[in-house]
């Protein structure tokens, strides 16, 4: 019985590490998308719009990675507003 409990603990730990890695990756991607958005010329509305959409997607992925079970991917419309 103790062996099963140890294996269960090890599996839970792997799952926690995997979740933490996914969250760290999502935070990195959201931060990168934010930097790209901040760097774009405001006069270039199409690029700014696409970068803002990407940034929002990354923020949603960051929030979704904190939830269990994870939410399905969110699709945003692409194109001029």
PDB file of N, CA and C in Angstrom:
ATOM      1  N   UNK A   1       0.813  -1.188   0.000  1.00  0.00           N
ATOM      2  CA  UNK A   1       0.000   0.000   0.000  1.00  0.00           C
ATOM      3  C   UNK A   1       0.865   1.265   0.000  1.00  0.00           C
ATOM      4  N   UNK A   2       1.978   1.231   0.729  1.00  0.00           N
ATOM      5  CA  UNK A   2       2.852   2.401   0.791  1.00  0.00           C
ATOM      6  C   UNK A   2       3.463   2.684  -0.572  1.00  0.00           C
ATOM      7  N   UNK A   3       3.733   1.637  -1.348  1.00  0.00           N
ATOM      8  CA  UNK A   3       4.282   1.828  -2.691  1.00  0.00           C
ATOM      9  C   UNK A   3       3.308   2.553  -3.591  1.00  0.00           C
ATOM     10  N   UNK A   4       2.034   2.236  -3.486  1.00  0.00           N
ATOM     11  CA  UNK A   4       1.015   2.899  -4.301  1.00  0.00           C
ATOM     12  C   UNK A   4       0.890   4.366  -3.908  1.00  0.00           C
ATOM     13  N   UNK A   5       0.979   4.657  -2.622  1.00  0.00           N
ATOM     14  CA  UNK A   5       0.892   6.043  -2.170  1.00  0.00           C
ATOM     15  C   UNK A   5       2.091   6.838  -2.660  1.00  0.00           C
ATOM     16  N   UNK A   6       3.271   6.218  -2.655  1.00  0.00           N
ATOM     17  CA  UNK A   6       4.476   6.888  -3.142  1.00  0.00           C
ATOM     18  C   UNK A   6       4.395   7.164  -4.634  1.00  0.00           C
ATOM     19  N   UNK A   7       3.878   6.195  -5.386  1.00  0.00           N
ATOM     20  CA  UNK A   7       3.731   6.382  -6.821  1.00  0.00           C
ATOM     21  C   UNK A   7       2.714   7.475  -7.118  1.00  0.00           C
ATOM     22  N   UNK A   8       1.643   7.508  -6.349  1.00  0.00           N
ATOM     23  CA  UNK A   8       0.625   8.532  -6.532  1.00  0.00           C
ATOM     24  C   UNK A   8       1.201   9.918  -6.239  1.00  0.00           C
ATOM     25  N   UNK A   9       1.988  10.023  -5.185  1.00  0.00           N
ATOM     26  CA  UNK A   9       2.624  11.296  -4.828  1.00  0.00           C
ATOM     27  C   UNK A   9       3.576  11.736  -5.938  1.00  0.00           C
ATOM     28  N   UNK A  10       4.347  10.790  -6.482  1.00  0.00           N
ATOM     29  CA  UNK A  10       5.294  11.102  -7.551  1.00  0.00           C
ATOM     30  C   UNK A  10       4.543  11.585  -8.793  1.00  0.00           C
ATOM     31  N   UNK A  11       3.418  10.942  -9.134  1.00  0.00           N
ATOM     32  CA  UNK A  11       2.621  11.358 -10.284  1.00  0.00           C
ATOM     33  C   UNK A  11       2.027  12.746 -10.067  1.00  0.00           C
ATOM     34  N   UNK A  12       1.563  13.007  -8.839  1.00  0.00           N
ATOM     35  CA  UNK A  12       1.025  14.332  -8.529  1.00  0.00           C
ATOM     36  C   UNK A  12       2.105  15.399  -8.651  1.00  0.00           C
ATOM     37  N   UNK A  13       3.305  15.090  -8.203  1.00  0.00           N
ATOM     38  CA  UNK A  13       4.428  16.033  -8.274  1.00  0.00           C
ATOM     39  C   UNK A  13       4.773  16.329  -9.727  1.00  0.00           C
ATOM     40  N   UNK A  14       4.806  15.285 -10.567  1.00  0.00           N
ATOM     41  CA  UNK A  14       5.080  15.490 -11.999  1.00  0.00           C
ATOM     42  C   UNK A  14       4.013  16.371 -12.624  1.00  0.00           C
ATOM     43  N   UNK A  15       2.776  16.130 -12.241  1.00  0.00           N
ATOM     44  CA  UNK A  15       1.670  16.923 -12.763  1.00  0.00           C
ATOM     45  C   UNK A  15       1.804  18.385 -12.327  1.00  0.00           C
ATOM     46  N   UNK A  16       2.194  18.609 -11.075  1.00  0.00           N
ATOM     47  CA  UNK A  16       2.392  19.968 -10.574  1.00  0.00           C
ATOM     48  C   UNK A  16       3.527  20.665 -11.319  1.00  0.00           C
ATOM     49  N   UNK A  17       4.606  19.949 -11.560  1.00  0.00           N
ATOM     50  CA  UNK A  17       5.753  20.520 -12.281  1.00  0.00           C
ATOM     51  C   UNK A  17       5.347  20.851 -13.711  1.00  0.00           C
ATOM     52  N   UNK A  18       4.613  19.950 -14.334  1.00  0.00           N
ATOM     53  CA  UNK A  18       4.157  20.182 -15.707  1.00  0.00           C
ATOM     54  C   UNK A  18       3.246  21.411 -15.767  1.00  0.00           C
ATOM     55  N   UNK A  19       2.346  21.548 -14.822  1.00  0.00           N
ATOM     56  CA  UNK A  19       1.441  22.694 -14.766  1.00  0.00           C
ATOM     57  C   UNK A  19       2.224  23.982 -14.528  1.00  0.00           C
ATOM     58  N   UNK A  20       3.184  23.944 -13.622  1.00  0.00           N
ATOM     59  CA  UNK A  20       3.997  25.126 -13.341  1.00  0.00           C
ATOM     60  C   UNK A  20       4.811  25.533 -14.568  1.00  0.00           C
ATOM     61  N   UNK A  21       5.350  24.566 -15.297  1.00  0.00           N
ATOM     62  CA  UNK A  21       6.094  24.870 -16.525  1.00  0.00           C
ATOM     63  C   UNK A  21       5.191  25.493 -17.575  1.00  0.00           C
ATOM     64  N   UNK A  22       3.975  24.982 -17.711  1.00  0.00           N
ATOM     65  CA  UNK A  22       3.018  25.544 -18.675  1.00  0.00           C
ATOM     66  C   UNK A  22       2.654  26.972 -18.286  1.00  0.00           C
ATOM     67  N   UNK A  23       2.476  27.217 -16.999  1.00  0.00           N
ATOM     68  CA  UNK A  23       2.151  28.555 -16.529  1.00  0.00           C
ATOM     69  C   UNK A  23       3.316  29.516 -16.769  1.00  0.00           C
ATOM     70  N   UNK A  24       4.529  29.072 -16.517  1.00  0.00           N
ATOM     71  CA  UNK A  24       5.705  29.905 -16.760  1.00  0.00           C
ATOM     72  C   UNK A  24       5.831  30.241 -18.246  1.00  0.00           C
ATOM     73  N   UNK A  25       5.592  29.265 -19.112  1.00  0.00           N
ATOM     74  CA  UNK A  25       5.644  29.491 -20.553  1.00  0.00           C
ATOM     75  C   UNK A  25       4.567  30.488 -20.981  1.00  0.00           C
ATOM     76  N   UNK A  26       3.366  30.339 -20.439  1.00  0.00           N
ATOM     77  CA  UNK A  26       2.273  31.252 -20.780  1.00  0.00           C
ATOM     78  C   UNK A  26       2.590  32.674 -20.319  1.00  0.00           C
ATOM     79  N   UNK A  27       3.179  32.821 -19.141  1.00  0.00           N
ATOM     80  CA  UNK A  27       3.565  34.153 -18.653  1.00  0.00           C
ATOM     81  C   UNK A  27       4.620  34.774 -19.554  1.00  0.00           C
ATOM     82  N   UNK A  28       5.592  33.963 -19.969  1.00  0.00           N
ATOM     83  CA  UNK A  28       6.636  34.457 -20.863  1.00  0.00           C
ATOM     84  C   UNK A  28       6.030  34.934 -22.178  1.00  0.00           C
ATOM     85  N   UNK A  29       5.123  34.142 -22.759  1.00  0.00           N
ATOM     86  CA  UNK A  29       4.503  34.501 -24.025  1.00  0.00           C
ATOM     87  C   UNK A  29       3.650  35.760 -23.883  1.00  0.00           C
ATOM     88  N   UNK A  30       2.943  35.903 -22.763  1.00  0.00           N
ATOM     89  CA  UNK A  30       2.143  37.102 -22.540  1.00  0.00           C
ATOM     90  C   UNK A  30       3.042  38.331 -22.396  1.00  0.00           C
ATOM     91  N   UNK A  31       4.142  38.174 -21.695  1.00  0.00           N
ATOM     92  CA  UNK A  31       5.079  39.279 -21.529  1.00  0.00           C
ATOM     93  C   UNK A  31       5.690  39.677 -22.871  1.00  0.00           C
ATOM     94  N   UNK A  32       6.053  38.712 -23.672  1.00  0.00           N
ATOM     95  CA  UNK A  32       6.626  38.980 -24.998  1.00  0.00           C
ATOM     96  C   UNK A  32       5.614  39.685 -25.895  1.00  0.00           C
ATOM     97  N   UNK A  33       4.362  39.217 -25.875  1.00  0.00           N
ATOM     98  CA  UNK A  33       3.313  39.847 -26.673  1.00  0.00           C
ATOM     99  C   UNK A  33       3.091  41.294 -26.226  1.00  0.00           C
ATOM    100  N   UNK A  34       3.175  41.533 -24.928  1.00  0.00           N
ATOM    101  CA  UNK A  34       3.026  42.899 -24.402  1.00  0.00           C
ATOM    102  C   UNK A  34       4.157  43.791 -24.894  1.00  0.00           C
ATOM    103  N   UNK A  35       5.385  43.304 -24.852  1.00  0.00           N
ATOM    104  CA  UNK A  35       6.528  44.091 -25.332  1.00  0.00           C
ATOM    105  C   UNK A  35       6.381  44.404 -26.819  1.00  0.00           C
ATOM    106  N   UNK A  36       5.924  43.435 -27.601  1.00  0.00           N
ATOM    107  CA  UNK A  36       5.728  43.661 -29.031  1.00  0.00           C
ATOM    108  C   UNK A  36       4.646  44.716 -29.258  1.00  0.00           C
ATOM    109  N   UNK A  37       3.568  44.632 -28.503  1.00  0.00           N
ATOM    110  CA  UNK A  37       2.484  45.601 -28.632  1.00  0.00           C
ATOM    111  C   UNK A  37       2.988  47.003 -28.285  1.00  0.00           C
ATOM    112  N   UNK A  38       3.746  47.122 -27.214  1.00  0.00           N
ATOM    113  CA  UNK A  38       4.270  48.427 -26.800  1.00  0.00           C
ATOM    114  C   UNK A  38       5.245  49.008 -27.824  1.00  0.00           C
ATOM    115  N   UNK A  39       5.931  48.150 -28.561  1.00  0.00           N
ATOM    116  CA  UNK A  39       6.945  48.613 -29.503  1.00  0.00           C
ATOM    117  C   UNK A  39       6.371  49.069 -30.845  1.00  0.00           C
ATOM    118  N   UNK A  40       5.140  48.724 -31.155  1.00  0.00           N
ATOM    119  CA  UNK A  40       4.583  49.038 -32.473  1.00  0.00           C
ATOM    120  C   UNK A  40       4.190  50.512 -32.555  1.00  0.00           C
ATOM    121  N   UNK A  41       4.326  51.074 -33.731  1.00  0.00           N
ATOM    122  CA  UNK A  41       3.925  52.451 -34.002  1.00  0.00           C
ATOM    123  C   UNK A  41       2.396  52.549 -33.940  1.00  0.00           C
ATOM    124  N   UNK A  42       1.846  53.418 -33.108  1.00  0.00           N
ATOM    125  CA  UNK A  42       0.384  53.527 -32.987  1.00  0.00           C
ATOM    126  C   UNK A  42      -0.311  53.862 -34.303  1.00  0.00           C
ATOM    127  N   UNK A  43       0.409  54.476 -35.237  1.00  0.00           N
ATOM    128  CA  UNK A  43      -0.176  54.811 -36.537  1.00  0.00           C
ATOM    129  C   UNK A  43      -0.436  53.571 -37.381  1.00  0.00           C
ATOM    130  N   UNK A  44       0.230  52.495 -37.068  1.00  0.00           N
ATOM    131  CA  UNK A  44       0.048  51.258 -37.829  1.00  0.00           C
ATOM    132  C   UNK A  44      -1.026  50.428 -37.132  1.00  0.00           C
ATOM    133  N   UNK A  45      -2.277  50.775 -37.365  1.00  0.00           N
ATOM    134  CA  UNK A  45      -3.406  50.190 -36.641  1.00  0.00           C
ATOM    135  C   UNK A  45      -3.578  48.698 -36.883  1.00  0.00           C
ATOM    136  N   UNK A  46      -3.335  48.241 -38.087  1.00  0.00           N
ATOM    137  CA  UNK A  46      -3.521  46.817 -38.380  1.00  0.00           C
ATOM    138  C   UNK A  46      -2.530  45.972 -37.583  1.00  0.00           C
ATOM    139  N   UNK A  47      -1.274  46.387 -37.582  1.00  0.00           N
ATOM    140  CA  UNK A  47      -0.267  45.650 -36.819  1.00  0.00           C
ATOM    141  C   UNK A  47      -0.582  45.731 -35.329  1.00  0.00           C
ATOM    142  N   UNK A  48      -0.935  46.927 -34.867  1.00  0.00           N
ATOM    143  CA  UNK A  48      -1.266  47.095 -33.449  1.00  0.00           C
ATOM    144  C   UNK A  48      -2.458  46.235 -33.063  1.00  0.00           C
ATOM    145  N   UNK A  49      -3.457  46.175 -33.930  1.00  0.00           N
ATOM    146  CA  UNK A  49      -4.637  45.363 -33.650  1.00  0.00           C
ATOM    147  C   UNK A  49      -4.282  43.886 -33.542  1.00  0.00           C
ATOM    148  N   UNK A  50      -3.463  43.401 -34.475  1.00  0.00           N
ATOM    149  CA  UNK A  50      -3.056  41.994 -34.436  1.00  0.00           C
ATOM    150  C   UNK A  50      -2.198  41.687 -33.220  1.00  0.00           C
ATOM    151  N   UNK A  51      -1.307  42.602 -32.857  1.00  0.00           N
ATOM    152  CA  UNK A  51      -0.473  42.384 -31.671  1.00  0.00           C
ATOM    153  C   UNK A  51      -1.304  42.435 -30.390  1.00  0.00           C
ATOM    154  N   UNK A  52      -2.292  43.335 -30.353  1.00  0.00           N
ATOM    155  CA  UNK A  52      -3.164  43.388 -29.180  1.00  0.00           C
ATOM    156  C   UNK A  52      -3.966  42.102 -29.051  1.00  0.00           C
ATOM    157  N   UNK A  53      -4.454  41.568 -30.172  1.00  0.00           N
ATOM    158  CA  UNK A  53      -5.196  40.307 -30.165  1.00  0.00           C
ATOM    159  C   UNK A  53      -4.303  39.184 -29.649  1.00  0.00           C
ATOM    160  N   UNK A  54      -3.066  39.130 -30.152  1.00  0.00           N
ATOM    161  CA  UNK A  54      -2.128  38.093 -29.715  1.00  0.00           C
ATOM    162  C   UNK A  54      -1.830  38.222 -28.224  1.00  0.00           C
ATOM    163  N   UNK A  55      -1.649  39.457 -27.759  1.00  0.00           N
ATOM    164  CA  UNK A  55      -1.381  39.702 -26.341  1.00  0.00           C
ATOM    165  C   UNK A  55      -2.558  39.215 -25.505  1.00  0.00           C
ATOM    166  N   UNK A  56      -3.783  39.551 -25.912  1.00  0.00           N
ATOM    167  CA  UNK A  56      -4.963  39.099 -25.170  1.00  0.00           C
ATOM    168  C   UNK A  56      -5.089  37.585 -25.163  1.00  0.00           C
ATOM    169  N   UNK A  57      -4.767  36.936 -26.273  1.00  0.00           N
ATOM    170  CA  UNK A  57      -4.794  35.471 -26.318  1.00  0.00           C
ATOM    171  C   UNK A  57      -3.817  34.886 -25.311  1.00  0.00           C
ATOM    172  N   UNK A  58      -2.618  35.468 -25.247  1.00  0.00           N
ATOM    173  CA  UNK A  58      -1.601  34.969 -24.318  1.00  0.00           C
ATOM    174  C   UNK A  58      -2.045  35.164 -22.873  1.00  0.00           C
ATOM    175  N   UNK A  59      -2.678  36.292 -22.582  1.00  0.00           N
ATOM    176  CA  UNK A  59      -3.176  36.520 -21.221  1.00  0.00           C
ATOM    177  C   UNK A  59      -4.245  35.498 -20.864  1.00  0.00           C
ATOM    178  N   UNK A  60      -5.108  35.175 -21.821  1.00  0.00           N
ATOM    179  CA  UNK A  60      -6.128  34.155 -21.566  1.00  0.00           C
ATOM    180  C   UNK A  60      -5.500  32.789 -21.345  1.00  0.00           C
ATOM    181  N   UNK A  61      -4.452  32.484 -22.110  1.00  0.00           N
ATOM    182  CA  UNK A  61      -3.763  31.202 -21.917  1.00  0.00           C
ATOM    183  C   UNK A  61      -3.121  31.148 -20.534  1.00  0.00           C
ATOM    184  N   UNK A  62      -2.572  32.273 -20.093  1.00  0.00           N
ATOM    185  CA  UNK A  62      -1.971  32.319 -18.758  1.00  0.00           C
ATOM    186  C   UNK A  62      -3.032  32.039 -17.697  1.00  0.00           C
ATOM    187  N   UNK A  63      -4.185  32.658 -17.832  1.00  0.00           N
ATOM    188  CA  UNK A  63      -5.273  32.442 -16.872  1.00  0.00           C
ATOM    189  C   UNK A  63      -5.798  31.012 -16.974  1.00  0.00           C
ATOM    190  N   UNK A  64      -5.916  30.503 -18.190  1.00  0.00           N
ATOM    191  CA  UNK A  64      -6.446  29.155 -18.382  1.00  0.00           C
ATOM    192  C   UNK A  64      -5.510  28.103 -17.797  1.00  0.00           C
ATOM    193  N   UNK A  65      -4.198  28.351 -17.851  1.00  0.00           N
ATOM    194  CA  UNK A  65      -3.244  27.386 -17.315  1.00  0.00           C
ATOM    195  C   UNK A  65      -3.341  27.261 -15.800  1.00  0.00           C
ATOM    196  N   UNK A  66      -3.958  28.234 -15.154  1.00  0.00           N
ATOM    197  CA  UNK A  66      -4.132  28.170 -13.702  1.00  0.00           C
ATOM    198  C   UNK A  66      -5.337  27.329 -13.311  1.00  0.00           C
ATOM    199  N   UNK A  67      -6.198  27.049 -14.275  1.00  0.00           N
ATOM    200  CA  UNK A  67      -7.421  26.305 -13.998  1.00  0.00           C
ATOM    201  C   UNK A  67      -7.237  24.817 -14.246  1.00  0.00           C
ATOM    202  N   UNK A  68      -7.973  24.024 -13.516  1.00  0.00           N
ATOM    203  CA  UNK A  68      -8.027  22.587 -13.763  1.00  0.00           C
ATOM    204  C   UNK A  68      -9.474  22.174 -13.805  1.00  0.00           C
ATOM    205  N   UNK A  69      -9.949  21.495 -14.804  1.00  0.00           N
ATOM    206  CA  UNK A  69      -9.245  21.154 -16.032  1.00  0.00           C
ATOM    207  C   UNK A  69      -9.071  22.395 -16.895  1.00  0.00           C
ATOM    208  N   UNK A  70      -8.092  22.360 -17.793  1.00  0.00           N
ATOM    209  CA  UNK A  70      -7.824  23.529 -18.629  1.00  0.00           C
ATOM    210  C   UNK A  70      -8.992  23.850 -19.553  1.00  0.00           C
ATOM    211  N   UNK A  71      -9.116  25.128 -19.868  1.00  0.00           N
ATOM    212  CA  UNK A  71     -10.141  25.563 -20.808  1.00  0.00           C
ATOM    213  C   UNK A  71      -9.696  25.277 -22.234  1.00  0.00           C
ATOM    214  N   UNK A  72     -10.644  25.089 -23.161  1.00  0.00           N
ATOM    215  CA  UNK A  72     -10.260  24.904 -24.562  1.00  0.00           C
ATOM    216  C   UNK A  72      -9.671  26.197 -25.121  1.00  0.00           C
ATOM    217  N   UNK A  73      -8.886  26.123 -26.194  1.00  0.00           N
ATOM    218  CA  UNK A  73      -8.290  27.326 -26.782  1.00  0.00           C
ATOM    219  C   UNK A  73      -9.376  28.301 -27.231  1.00  0.00           C
ATOM    220  N   UNK A  74      -9.064  29.587 -27.127  1.00  0.00           N
ATOM    221  CA  UNK A  74      -9.986  30.631 -27.536  1.00  0.00           C
ATOM    222  C   UNK A  74      -9.515  31.192 -28.858  1.00  0.00           C
ATOM    223  N   UNK A  75     -10.426  31.313 -29.819  1.00  0.00           N
ATOM    224  CA  UNK A  75     -10.094  31.872 -31.126  1.00  0.00           C
ATOM    225  C   UNK A  75     -10.689  33.268 -31.233  1.00  0.00           C
ATOM    226  N   UNK A  76      -9.866  34.229 -31.646  1.00  0.00           N
ATOM    227  CA  UNK A  76     -10.330  35.577 -31.859  1.00  0.00           C
ATOM    228  C   UNK A  76     -10.405  35.838 -33.356  1.00  0.00           C
ATOM    229  N   UNK A  77     -11.360  36.651 -33.791  1.00  0.00           N
ATOM    230  CA  UNK A  77     -11.425  36.975 -35.220  1.00  0.00           C
ATOM    231  C   UNK A  77     -10.199  37.782 -35.630  1.00  0.00           C
ATOM    232  N   UNK A  78      -9.752  37.589 -36.851  1.00  0.00           N
ATOM    233  CA  UNK A  78      -8.578  38.270 -37.366  1.00  0.00           C
ATOM    234  C   UNK A  78      -9.048  39.261 -38.419  1.00  0.00           C
ATOM    235  N   UNK A  79      -8.469  40.426 -38.401  1.00  0.00           N
ATOM    236  CA  UNK A  79      -8.803  41.412 -39.423  1.00  0.00           C
ATOM    237  C   UNK A  79      -9.046  42.769 -38.829  1.00  0.00           C
ATOM    238  N   UNK A  80      -9.267  43.753 -39.696  1.00  0.00           N
ATOM    239  CA  UNK A  80      -9.508  45.116 -39.205  1.00  0.00           C
ATOM    240  C   UNK A  80     -10.816  45.187 -38.443  1.00  0.00           C
ATOM    241  N   UNK A  81     -10.843  46.102 -37.521  1.00  0.00           N
ATOM    242  CA  UNK A  81     -12.025  46.260 -36.665  1.00  0.00           C
ATOM    243  C   UNK A  81     -13.093  47.054 -37.335  1.00  0.00           C
TER     244      UNK A  81
END
